[in-house]
Protein backbone atom coordinates (compact mmCIF):
# COMPACT_ATOMS: atom_id res chain seq x y z
CA MET A 1 -7.50 10.40 -21.48
CA THR A 2 -5.68 13.60 -20.52
CA THR A 3 -3.34 15.22 -23.03
CA LEU A 4 -1.59 17.46 -20.51
CA THR A 5 2.11 18.09 -21.12
CA ARG A 6 4.92 18.50 -18.63
CA ALA A 7 4.59 22.28 -19.00
CA ASP A 8 0.86 22.01 -18.22
CA TRP A 9 1.52 19.97 -15.09
CA GLU A 10 4.28 22.34 -13.93
CA GLN A 11 1.95 25.31 -14.40
CA ARG A 12 -0.76 23.56 -12.39
CA ALA A 13 1.79 22.73 -9.70
CA GLN A 14 2.56 26.44 -9.31
CA GLN A 15 -1.15 27.22 -8.89
CA LEU A 16 -1.96 24.28 -6.61
CA LYS A 17 -3.42 25.10 -3.22
CA ILE A 18 -1.89 22.85 -0.56
CA GLU A 19 -4.01 22.02 2.49
CA GLY A 20 -1.83 20.86 5.36
CA ARG A 21 -4.14 20.92 8.36
CA ALA A 22 -5.62 17.96 10.18
CA PHE A 23 -9.28 17.06 9.62
CA ILE A 24 -11.33 16.37 12.75
CA ASN A 25 -15.12 16.23 13.11
CA GLY A 26 -15.73 17.57 9.61
CA GLU A 27 -13.37 20.54 9.74
CA TYR A 28 -9.79 21.37 8.90
CA THR A 29 -7.92 22.35 12.02
CA ASN A 30 -4.40 23.03 13.26
CA ALA A 31 -2.72 20.59 15.58
CA VAL A 32 -3.51 21.32 19.23
CA SER A 33 0.15 22.23 19.70
CA ASN A 34 0.17 24.35 16.51
CA GLU A 35 3.30 22.40 15.54
CA THR A 36 3.97 21.76 11.85
CA PHE A 37 6.55 19.98 9.72
CA GLU A 38 7.84 20.84 6.27
CA CYS A 39 6.49 18.89 3.32
CA LEU A 40 9.28 18.73 0.72
CA SER A 41 8.87 17.42 -2.82
CA PRO A 42 11.31 14.69 -3.88
CA VAL A 43 10.87 15.92 -7.46
CA ASP A 44 13.19 18.89 -6.90
CA GLY A 45 13.40 19.50 -3.15
CA ARG A 46 10.90 22.37 -3.18
CA LEU A 47 8.85 23.20 -0.08
CA LEU A 48 5.25 22.26 -0.82
CA GLY A 49 3.90 23.58 2.46
CA LYS A 50 3.70 23.19 6.20
CA VAL A 51 1.69 20.24 7.53
CA ALA A 52 0.10 19.87 10.96
CA SER A 53 2.24 17.71 13.23
CA CYS A 54 -0.40 15.96 15.30
CA ASP A 55 0.32 14.23 18.60
CA ALA A 56 -1.50 12.54 21.49
CA ALA A 57 -3.76 15.55 22.13
CA ASP A 58 -5.03 15.45 18.57
CA ALA A 59 -5.48 11.68 18.73
CA LYS A 60 -7.55 12.08 21.89
CA ARG A 61 -9.77 14.69 20.27
CA ALA A 62 -10.23 12.68 17.06
CA VAL A 63 -11.02 9.44 18.88
CA GLU A 64 -13.57 11.16 21.13
CA ASN A 65 -15.33 12.61 18.09
CA ALA A 66 -15.17 9.34 16.20
CA ARG A 67 -16.64 7.43 19.16
CA LYS A 68 -19.40 9.97 19.66
CA THR A 69 -20.31 9.85 15.98
CA PHE A 70 -20.24 6.05 15.95
CA GLU A 71 -22.48 5.76 19.01
CA SER A 72 -24.94 8.30 17.58
CA GLY A 73 -25.73 5.89 14.76
CA VAL A 74 -25.80 8.65 12.16
CA TRP A 75 -23.51 6.48 10.00
CA SER A 76 -23.15 3.16 11.83
CA ARG A 77 -26.90 2.48 11.84
CA LEU A 78 -27.60 3.89 8.40
CA ALA A 79 -29.09 1.30 6.05
CA PRO A 80 -26.34 -0.45 4.07
CA ALA A 81 -27.93 0.63 0.78
CA LYS A 82 -27.70 4.28 1.87
CA ARG A 83 -24.07 3.89 2.94
CA LYS A 84 -23.45 2.30 -0.46
CA ALA A 85 -24.83 5.34 -2.28
CA VAL A 86 -22.61 7.69 -0.27
CA MET A 87 -19.51 5.56 -0.87
CA ILE A 88 -20.17 5.58 -4.61
CA ARG A 89 -20.50 9.38 -4.52
CA PHE A 90 -17.21 9.52 -2.60
CA ALA A 91 -15.56 7.42 -5.32
CA ASP A 92 -17.06 9.63 -8.04
CA LEU A 93 -15.63 12.73 -6.36
CA LEU A 94 -12.17 11.20 -6.43
CA LYS A 95 -12.57 10.67 -10.17
CA GLN A 96 -13.91 14.21 -10.68
CA ASN A 97 -10.86 15.59 -8.85
CA ALA A 98 -8.44 13.10 -10.41
CA GLU A 99 -5.99 15.62 -11.86
CA GLU A 100 -5.64 17.54 -8.59
CA LEU A 101 -5.19 14.33 -6.57
CA ALA A 102 -2.68 12.93 -9.07
CA LEU A 103 -0.67 16.13 -8.95
CA LEU A 104 -0.64 16.11 -5.13
CA GLU A 105 0.48 12.47 -5.15
CA THR A 106 3.31 13.06 -7.62
CA LEU A 107 4.63 16.22 -5.98
CA ASP A 108 4.41 14.64 -2.53
CA MET A 109 6.09 11.27 -3.10
CA GLY A 110 7.73 11.45 -6.51
CA LYS A 111 5.89 8.87 -8.61
CA PRO A 112 5.34 9.57 -12.33
CA ILE A 113 2.27 11.68 -13.02
CA SER A 114 0.99 9.13 -15.55
CA ASP A 115 0.97 6.47 -12.82
CA SER A 116 -0.73 8.78 -10.32
CA LEU A 117 -3.42 9.69 -12.85
CA HIS A 118 -4.04 6.33 -14.51
CA ILE A 119 -3.26 3.84 -11.73
CA ASP A 120 -3.41 5.37 -8.26
CA VAL A 121 -6.48 7.60 -8.47
CA PRO A 122 -8.64 5.08 -10.40
CA GLY A 123 -7.46 2.31 -8.06
CA ALA A 124 -8.40 4.37 -5.02
CA ALA A 125 -11.82 5.28 -6.42
CA GLY A 126 -12.38 1.65 -7.42
CA ALA A 127 -11.64 0.45 -3.90
CA LEU A 128 -14.24 2.83 -2.45
CA SER A 129 -16.95 2.02 -4.98
CA TRP A 130 -16.33 -1.76 -4.95
CA SER A 131 -16.60 -1.91 -1.16
CA GLY A 132 -19.66 0.31 -1.20
CA GLU A 133 -21.34 -1.78 -3.88
CA ALA A 134 -20.72 -4.96 -1.88
CA ILE A 135 -22.09 -3.83 1.46
CA ASP A 136 -25.80 -4.36 0.75
CA LYS A 137 -25.16 -7.77 -0.81
CA ILE A 138 -23.52 -9.48 2.16
CA TYR A 139 -25.94 -11.62 4.14
CA ASP A 140 -25.65 -12.84 7.71
CA GLU A 141 -26.46 -16.38 8.83
CA VAL A 142 -29.08 -18.45 10.60
CA ALA A 143 -27.62 -21.37 12.52
CA ALA A 144 -28.98 -24.90 12.23
CA THR A 145 -30.99 -25.09 15.46
CA PRO A 146 -33.72 -27.18 17.13
CA HIS A 147 -37.26 -26.17 16.18
CA ASP A 148 -37.72 -24.11 19.38
CA GLN A 149 -34.47 -22.16 19.02
CA LEU A 150 -33.33 -19.45 16.62
CA GLY A 151 -29.62 -18.88 16.21
CA LEU A 152 -28.52 -15.68 14.47
CA VAL A 153 -24.94 -14.98 13.39
CA THR A 154 -24.54 -11.31 12.55
CA ARG A 155 -21.73 -8.95 11.70
CA GLU A 156 -21.50 -5.60 13.45
CA ALA A 157 -19.16 -2.69 12.84
CA VAL A 158 -16.21 -2.88 15.20
CA GLY A 159 -16.44 0.81 16.20
CA VAL A 160 -13.47 3.18 15.98
CA VAL A 161 -10.78 2.18 13.50
CA GLY A 162 -7.28 3.64 13.37
CA ALA A 163 -5.68 3.29 9.93
CA ILE A 164 -1.95 3.91 9.50
CA VAL A 165 -1.00 3.90 5.83
CA PRO A 166 2.33 4.05 3.96
CA TRP A 167 3.98 6.58 1.70
CA ASN A 168 4.44 4.51 -1.46
CA PHE A 169 0.79 4.41 -2.60
CA PRO A 170 -0.64 7.00 -0.20
CA LEU A 171 -4.08 7.41 -1.74
CA MET A 172 -4.70 3.86 -2.92
CA MET A 173 -3.54 2.20 0.32
CA ALA A 174 -5.74 4.60 2.29
CA CYS A 175 -8.75 3.68 0.18
CA TRP A 176 -8.06 -0.05 0.51
CA LYS A 177 -8.71 0.59 4.22
CA LEU A 178 -11.39 3.26 3.97
CA GLY A 179 -13.55 1.29 1.53
CA PRO A 180 -14.45 -1.62 3.80
CA ALA A 181 -14.02 0.28 7.08
CA LEU A 182 -16.50 3.01 6.15
CA SER A 183 -18.86 0.75 4.23
CA THR A 184 -19.37 -1.45 7.29
CA GLY A 185 -20.32 1.60 9.38
CA ASN A 186 -17.19 2.34 11.39
CA SER A 187 -15.70 5.69 12.28
CA VAL A 188 -12.10 6.00 11.06
CA ILE A 189 -9.01 7.97 12.04
CA LEU A 190 -6.60 7.93 9.11
CA LYS A 191 -2.90 8.55 9.83
CA PRO A 192 -0.99 9.09 6.58
CA SER A 193 2.77 8.88 6.47
CA GLU A 194 4.55 12.13 7.25
CA LYS A 195 6.41 11.56 3.96
CA SER A 196 3.20 11.79 1.85
CA PRO A 197 0.18 13.23 3.71
CA LEU A 198 -1.37 15.51 1.11
CA THR A 199 -3.91 13.31 -0.69
CA ALA A 200 -5.25 11.89 2.58
CA ILE A 201 -5.83 15.41 3.86
CA ARG A 202 -7.54 16.43 0.62
CA ILE A 203 -9.97 13.52 0.37
CA ALA A 204 -11.30 14.18 3.88
CA ALA A 205 -13.20 17.16 2.51
CA LEU A 206 -14.42 15.08 -0.43
CA ALA A 207 -15.82 12.52 2.01
CA VAL A 208 -17.97 15.16 3.70
CA GLU A 209 -19.01 16.52 0.31
CA ALA A 210 -20.12 13.00 -0.62
CA GLY A 211 -22.36 12.82 2.46
CA ILE A 212 -20.24 11.03 5.05
CA PRO A 213 -21.19 12.68 8.36
CA ALA A 214 -18.73 14.83 10.27
CA GLY A 215 -16.68 12.76 12.71
CA VAL A 216 -16.84 9.55 10.67
CA LEU A 217 -13.59 10.18 8.78
CA ASN A 218 -10.80 12.07 10.53
CA VAL A 219 -7.26 12.58 9.21
CA LEU A 220 -4.27 13.14 11.49
CA PRO A 221 -0.97 13.88 9.74
CA GLY A 222 2.15 13.53 11.85
CA TYR A 223 4.91 11.17 12.87
CA GLY A 224 4.61 7.53 13.79
CA HIS A 225 6.34 7.96 17.16
CA THR A 226 3.89 10.70 18.18
CA VAL A 227 0.36 10.47 16.78
CA GLY A 228 0.77 6.95 15.39
CA LYS A 229 1.87 5.65 18.78
CA ALA A 230 -0.94 7.57 20.49
CA LEU A 231 -3.56 5.89 18.28
CA ALA A 232 -1.98 2.46 18.83
CA LEU A 233 -2.06 2.90 22.61
CA HIS A 234 -5.47 4.60 22.82
CA MET A 235 -7.90 2.64 24.97
CA ASP A 236 -10.89 3.58 22.81
CA VAL A 237 -9.56 2.57 19.39
CA ASP A 238 -11.15 -0.81 18.68
CA THR A 239 -9.12 -1.87 15.65
CA LEU A 240 -5.84 -0.71 14.16
CA VAL A 241 -5.00 -1.48 10.53
CA PHE A 242 -1.53 -0.86 9.16
CA THR A 243 0.49 -1.11 5.98
CA GLY A 244 4.23 -0.53 6.31
CA SER A 245 7.42 -2.10 7.54
CA THR A 246 7.62 -5.34 9.53
CA LYS A 247 9.57 -3.54 12.27
CA ILE A 248 6.74 -1.08 12.93
CA ALA A 249 4.12 -3.82 12.54
CA LYS A 250 5.71 -5.75 15.42
CA GLN A 251 5.76 -2.63 17.59
CA LEU A 252 2.06 -2.02 16.97
CA MET A 253 1.28 -5.52 18.23
CA ILE A 254 3.16 -4.69 21.43
CA TYR A 255 1.16 -1.48 21.82
CA SER A 256 -2.05 -3.48 21.47
CA GLY A 257 -1.00 -5.73 24.34
CA GLU A 258 -0.02 -2.72 26.43
CA SER A 259 -3.41 -1.07 25.93
CA ASN A 260 -6.85 -2.55 25.28
CA MET A 261 -5.96 -5.60 23.15
CA LYS A 262 -7.32 -3.76 20.12
CA ARG A 263 -7.52 -5.87 16.99
CA ILE A 264 -4.34 -5.40 14.94
CA TRP A 265 -4.32 -6.15 11.21
CA LEU A 266 -1.01 -5.80 9.43
CA GLU A 267 0.31 -5.75 5.89
CA ALA A 268 4.07 -5.58 6.27
CA GLY A 269 7.26 -6.18 4.29
CA GLY A 270 8.11 -8.45 1.40
CA LYS A 271 11.05 -9.92 -0.48
CA SER A 272 9.13 -11.50 -3.29
CA PRO A 273 10.65 -14.20 -5.55
CA ASN A 274 10.00 -14.08 -9.29
CA ILE A 275 10.79 -17.61 -10.51
CA VAL A 276 11.57 -18.15 -14.20
CA PHE A 277 11.84 -21.78 -15.31
CA ALA A 278 13.57 -22.83 -18.51
CA ASP A 279 10.21 -23.76 -20.04
CA ALA A 280 8.68 -20.31 -19.52
CA PRO A 281 6.31 -19.76 -22.45
CA ASP A 282 7.75 -16.38 -23.49
CA LEU A 283 11.16 -15.35 -22.18
CA LYS A 284 10.91 -11.84 -23.63
CA ALA A 285 7.59 -11.25 -21.85
CA ALA A 286 9.06 -12.69 -18.65
CA ALA A 287 12.07 -10.37 -18.93
CA GLU A 288 9.91 -7.31 -19.51
CA SER A 289 7.77 -8.29 -16.53
CA ALA A 290 10.87 -8.81 -14.37
CA ALA A 291 12.06 -5.29 -15.23
CA SER A 292 8.64 -3.81 -14.48
CA ALA A 293 8.39 -5.79 -11.22
CA ILE A 294 11.46 -4.02 -9.80
CA ALA A 295 11.32 -0.58 -11.48
CA PHE A 296 7.61 0.29 -11.26
CA ASN A 297 6.96 2.95 -8.62
CA GLN A 298 10.75 3.27 -8.22
CA GLY A 299 10.80 -0.18 -6.62
CA GLU A 300 8.93 1.29 -3.64
CA VAL A 301 6.44 -1.57 -3.69
CA CYS A 302 5.88 -4.14 -0.95
CA THR A 303 5.35 -6.83 -3.60
CA ALA A 304 8.31 -5.75 -5.75
CA GLY A 305 9.86 -8.74 -7.54
CA SER A 306 13.20 -8.01 -5.88
CA ARG A 307 14.58 -11.58 -6.15
CA LEU A 308 14.73 -12.92 -9.70
CA LEU A 309 15.25 -16.69 -9.55
CA VAL A 310 16.36 -17.98 -12.97
CA GLU A 311 16.93 -21.61 -13.98
CA ARG A 312 20.67 -21.88 -14.62
CA SER A 313 20.34 -23.39 -18.11
CA ILE A 314 18.70 -20.19 -19.45
CA LYS A 315 20.41 -17.58 -17.26
CA ASP A 316 22.91 -16.46 -19.92
CA THR A 317 20.08 -16.05 -22.43
CA PHE A 318 17.55 -14.52 -20.07
CA LEU A 319 19.56 -11.96 -18.10
CA PRO A 320 20.51 -9.87 -21.18
CA LEU A 321 16.80 -9.67 -22.00
CA VAL A 322 16.10 -8.26 -18.53
CA ILE A 323 18.95 -5.75 -18.84
CA GLU A 324 17.58 -4.63 -22.20
CA ALA A 325 14.03 -4.34 -20.86
CA LEU A 326 15.23 -2.24 -17.94
CA LYS A 327 16.52 0.40 -20.37
CA GLY A 328 12.90 1.43 -20.81
CA TRP A 329 12.75 2.30 -17.12
CA LYS A 330 14.85 5.45 -16.84
CA PRO A 331 14.37 8.01 -14.06
CA GLY A 332 13.09 11.39 -15.18
CA ASN A 333 10.99 14.33 -14.05
CA PRO A 334 7.77 12.88 -12.58
CA LEU A 335 5.70 15.72 -14.08
CA ASP A 336 6.63 14.56 -17.58
CA PRO A 337 3.87 12.20 -18.81
CA GLU A 338 6.54 10.13 -20.62
CA THR A 339 8.50 9.41 -17.41
CA THR A 340 8.36 5.78 -16.23
CA VAL A 341 10.53 6.05 -13.08
CA GLY A 342 10.26 9.02 -10.76
CA ALA A 343 12.06 10.12 -7.61
CA LEU A 344 12.48 8.13 -4.42
CA VAL A 345 10.28 9.53 -1.68
CA ASP A 346 12.99 11.50 0.17
CA THR A 347 16.72 11.80 0.83
CA GLN A 348 16.57 9.32 3.70
CA GLN A 349 15.10 6.62 1.46
CA MET A 350 17.53 7.41 -1.34
CA ASN A 351 20.47 7.01 1.03
CA THR A 352 19.02 3.72 2.28
CA VAL A 353 18.79 2.38 -1.26
CA LEU A 354 22.33 3.54 -2.08
CA SER A 355 23.63 1.84 1.07
CA TYR A 356 22.09 -1.46 -0.06
CA ILE A 357 23.75 -1.04 -3.47
CA GLU A 358 27.06 -0.58 -1.68
CA SER A 359 26.31 -3.70 0.38
CA GLY A 360 25.80 -5.67 -2.84
CA HIS A 361 29.23 -4.58 -4.02
CA SER A 362 30.92 -5.39 -0.71
CA GLU A 363 29.36 -8.87 -0.48
CA GLY A 364 30.63 -9.81 -3.90
CA ALA A 365 27.55 -9.56 -6.11
CA LYS A 366 28.19 -8.45 -9.70
CA LEU A 367 26.62 -5.15 -10.78
CA VAL A 368 25.30 -5.54 -14.33
CA ALA A 369 22.97 -2.53 -14.65
CA GLY A 370 22.41 0.84 -12.99
CA GLY A 371 23.59 1.38 -9.45
CA LYS A 372 24.04 5.15 -9.29
CA GLN A 373 22.31 8.26 -8.06
CA ILE A 374 21.50 10.52 -11.01
CA LEU A 375 19.91 13.90 -11.80
CA GLN A 376 21.51 15.47 -8.71
CA GLU A 377 21.33 18.86 -10.42
CA THR A 378 17.51 18.83 -10.10
CA GLY A 379 17.59 18.79 -6.30
CA GLY A 380 15.50 15.61 -6.44
CA THR A 381 16.16 12.05 -5.25
CA TYR A 382 16.74 9.76 -8.23
CA VAL A 383 18.45 6.37 -8.40
CA GLU A 384 18.92 4.20 -11.49
CA PRO A 385 17.14 0.84 -11.52
CA THR A 386 19.85 -1.63 -10.57
CA ILE A 387 20.60 -5.32 -11.22
CA PHE A 388 23.04 -7.51 -9.32
CA ASP A 389 23.94 -10.92 -10.73
CA GLY A 390 25.69 -13.72 -8.89
CA VAL A 391 23.68 -13.14 -5.74
CA SER A 392 23.51 -15.67 -2.94
CA ASN A 393 20.23 -15.80 -1.09
CA ALA A 394 22.19 -15.30 2.15
CA MET A 395 23.35 -11.83 1.06
CA LYS A 396 21.85 -8.77 2.70
CA ILE A 397 20.41 -7.53 -0.62
CA ALA A 398 18.56 -10.87 -0.99
CA GLN A 399 17.25 -11.08 2.57
CA GLU A 400 16.24 -7.53 3.52
CA GLU A 401 13.52 -5.38 2.02
CA ILE A 402 15.24 -2.51 0.20
CA PHE A 403 12.14 -0.66 -1.01
CA GLY A 404 13.95 0.66 -4.04
CA PRO A 405 14.78 -0.43 -7.60
CA VAL A 406 17.43 -3.04 -6.76
CA LEU A 407 17.10 -6.52 -8.29
CA SER A 408 19.00 -9.60 -7.07
CA VAL A 409 19.46 -12.38 -9.66
CA ILE A 410 19.82 -15.87 -8.18
CA SER A 411 20.38 -19.10 -10.18
CA PHE A 412 18.82 -22.50 -9.46
CA ASP A 413 18.91 -25.96 -11.02
CA THR A 414 15.70 -27.71 -9.92
CA ALA A 415 12.15 -26.83 -8.97
CA ALA A 416 12.81 -28.04 -5.44
CA GLU A 417 15.82 -25.73 -5.15
CA ALA A 418 13.81 -22.79 -6.52
CA ILE A 419 11.08 -23.37 -3.94
CA GLN A 420 13.64 -23.69 -1.13
CA ILE A 421 15.31 -20.40 -2.10
CA ALA A 422 11.98 -18.65 -2.62
CA ASN A 423 10.74 -19.62 0.85
CA ASP A 424 14.07 -18.83 2.55
CA THR A 425 13.02 -15.39 3.76
CA PRO A 426 11.17 -13.98 6.79
CA TYR A 427 8.51 -12.67 4.41
CA GLY A 428 5.66 -14.26 2.48
CA LEU A 429 3.80 -11.55 0.63
CA ALA A 430 3.96 -12.46 -3.05
CA ALA A 431 5.67 -14.65 -5.65
CA ALA A 432 5.52 -15.40 -9.36
CA VAL A 433 6.13 -18.53 -11.43
CA TRP A 434 6.90 -18.66 -15.15
CA THR A 435 6.40 -22.07 -16.79
CA ALA A 436 4.46 -23.68 -19.63
CA ASP A 437 3.91 -26.81 -17.52
CA ILE A 438 0.52 -26.51 -15.81
CA SER A 439 1.35 -29.18 -13.23
CA LYS A 440 4.65 -27.51 -12.36
CA ALA A 441 2.83 -24.17 -12.07
CA HIS A 442 0.25 -25.57 -9.65
CA LEU A 443 2.71 -27.60 -7.59
CA THR A 444 5.13 -24.67 -7.26
CA ALA A 445 2.33 -22.25 -6.39
CA LYS A 446 1.10 -24.61 -3.67
CA ALA A 447 4.60 -24.93 -2.23
CA LEU A 448 5.29 -21.20 -2.07
CA ARG A 449 4.61 -19.60 1.30
CA ALA A 450 3.09 -16.40 -0.03
CA GLY A 451 -0.27 -14.66 0.09
CA SER A 452 -0.34 -14.02 -3.66
CA VAL A 453 1.18 -16.22 -6.37
CA TRP A 454 1.08 -15.08 -9.98
CA VAL A 455 1.63 -17.48 -12.87
CA ASN A 456 3.13 -16.25 -16.16
CA GLN A 457 2.64 -12.65 -15.08
CA TYR A 458 3.64 -10.38 -12.21
CA ASP A 459 1.26 -8.46 -9.95
CA GLY A 460 -2.03 -9.87 -11.19
CA GLY A 461 -5.42 -9.57 -9.52
CA ASP A 462 -7.98 -6.87 -8.82
CA MET A 463 -10.41 -5.87 -6.06
CA THR A 464 -12.00 -9.32 -6.11
CA ALA A 465 -8.80 -11.04 -4.89
CA PRO A 466 -7.62 -10.82 -1.26
CA PHE A 467 -4.23 -9.22 -0.66
CA GLY A 468 -1.93 -9.92 2.26
CA GLY A 469 0.88 -12.11 3.45
CA PHE A 470 2.19 -15.17 5.23
CA LYS A 471 4.88 -15.14 7.94
CA GLN A 472 6.29 -11.69 8.81
CA SER A 473 4.46 -10.08 5.91
CA GLY A 474 1.48 -9.70 8.21
CA ASN A 475 -2.04 -10.97 8.86
CA GLY A 476 -5.52 -10.29 7.57
CA ARG A 477 -6.34 -9.30 4.01
CA ASP A 478 -7.05 -6.12 2.09
CA LYS A 479 -9.37 -6.12 -0.94
CA SER A 480 -12.13 -8.65 -1.69
CA LEU A 481 -14.99 -9.60 0.64
CA HIS A 482 -12.41 -10.98 3.07
CA ALA A 483 -11.37 -7.40 3.92
CA PHE A 484 -14.68 -6.89 5.72
CA ASP A 485 -13.53 -9.40 8.35
CA LYS A 486 -11.10 -6.80 9.73
CA TYR A 487 -13.74 -4.16 10.34
CA THR A 488 -16.55 -6.23 11.83
CA GLU A 489 -17.19 -8.41 14.87
CA LEU A 490 -19.23 -11.61 14.73
CA LYS A 491 -22.14 -11.82 17.15
CA SER A 492 -24.14 -14.93 17.98
CA THR A 493 -27.70 -14.29 19.18
CA TRP A 494 -29.50 -17.43 20.47
CA ILE A 495 -33.23 -17.13 20.97
CA LYS A 496 -35.46 -19.57 22.84
CA LEU A 497 -38.86 -19.59 21.11
């Protein structure tokens, strides 16, 4: 456990070397156009560095190298046990460089350094090692055939994978993709968000150091409408995986149809209900969890518990507990190890969150906690965790994904009403149920249209559980053995003996 202080982290930040170039075929390189964009820290607005602004020319170069490397078999035809060993070394290198990666993550997107160090980096390393460990333990199939036939069902790497990842968990979301994609033998082009590209750029060198051949992992920083679009339309990208907004997810499906019908796997938005019944076993624990579910990572979480559904008979008792619990989630300097809430990723996102808070006011919801921008004097982008009571599920703040620390409290009277409200959203990513009644817990969980349902907790699960959504929250799953489905093709080979 590190004992670094805020002063230690600030000193390290001053000494940190920022790499902003793209990574293609095993080398850092400028964009073909030599264009760059400024990487600003939401902590205090400082310029961290200039980052390569890649476009279609860079996508073309990266895809050509990825295809050539894939076809060579230097990685794709390597024995699974050997790929496993390399992936575990890759994970170990993330852990060995944990403080540098955590500092890059915090400076780049504003999350508290304690979260970067103790959640994001270990989670990223765990995703790589878990996927690597699994790859030599997955068996193919032999079909039930007549005695003179042999039917083989095998999985093969899909080829060239484009991975577009979000800015809220830049390193961990990248590794949720890289783990299974690389372990199954694919070549990957990783496109980090322009809002938080630094850890993706850094780990490219660690991948080569671990033994992943040049050309297998390429990183192209840049904007979605330039290099992201180019990857989505490229005729030689076999699969595109994406985590981000539902709006962009829909556009990527269109690009697939306009190009080569590449496989598209999407993890998109959420508006997750956190349902607290009157018979919840521990209201204080439920309240603390409700506060954490909206304030953790500044509310910039696709599974954020942004709709708190509370049984009316306990609302007046329960809501003050949530307000009290939220006092422990106060924005502060992300380089302070004691900080629990950092800065929103940039000014644009801060203004979006503030506009939703204004919408809550204008639609008649009652502000009971937070609601203001603070710490303006720092030059950073900080907003207080916010609670609105008296929310109707038809309100904008209850229907649209805010991606900030804004909680809507909605009352209900029956389990059927709670389920109806919970499912009344375009999304279906996650949900939680608090009850001491095991039958009610199971029946409610079954009725909820969500990819993850947590009972008497919020945000449970680990690498063994699949993660993804119903409805407009996407398709396919990250984590677990089911993630390998996205990066492989099934082949049937039928042999006449």
